């Protein structure tokens, strides 16, 4: 069994209503007769206002469906490394050293190593997760869908699928008891 990694891309881009939040909140507390396995998910997809702009990307359909089968554990790498909410946004920048996570307005703010250390720490210590659901296009979570910029701030494409495969392989080797 491989630990699935999902880039939740474009599933829910609409504004959510309080009624939808109540529905998902109700499902959160329902008991199930079958055992559920823990899966980490980007906190913003669960409705937590952790994004750089202080908002969320709550996706009620995704959350409701996943909660039927999994225990969802919220993670947000940017908050976990001490970035505030709200905060200045970061972006992925391709330079001579590779891809770096840097501030949009202040490129000298480089959080690449902090994010990498956090990811390795989670992989090493949170071995109970059997999968991850990442927020697409996020500079700290997105896989193969995140905008990539050059050092002048011009969009040059998206992160590539080889990075997604590398992360997926690393995650499976660390999290799956069946690797």
Foldseek 3Di string as FASTA:
>chain_A
DFQAEAAPPPQADDDDDVVLLVVLVVLLPDDDPDDAAEEEEAQLCCFQQPELASGGRHDSVVSSVNSNHHNYDHDDLCVVLPADVNHQAWAWEQDPVGTWTAGLVGRVRTCRVSLVVVVVVCLQPVLRHSYYYFHDLHRSTHAQRHFYHYPVRHTDGHHHNVVVVVVSVSSRVRHPPVD
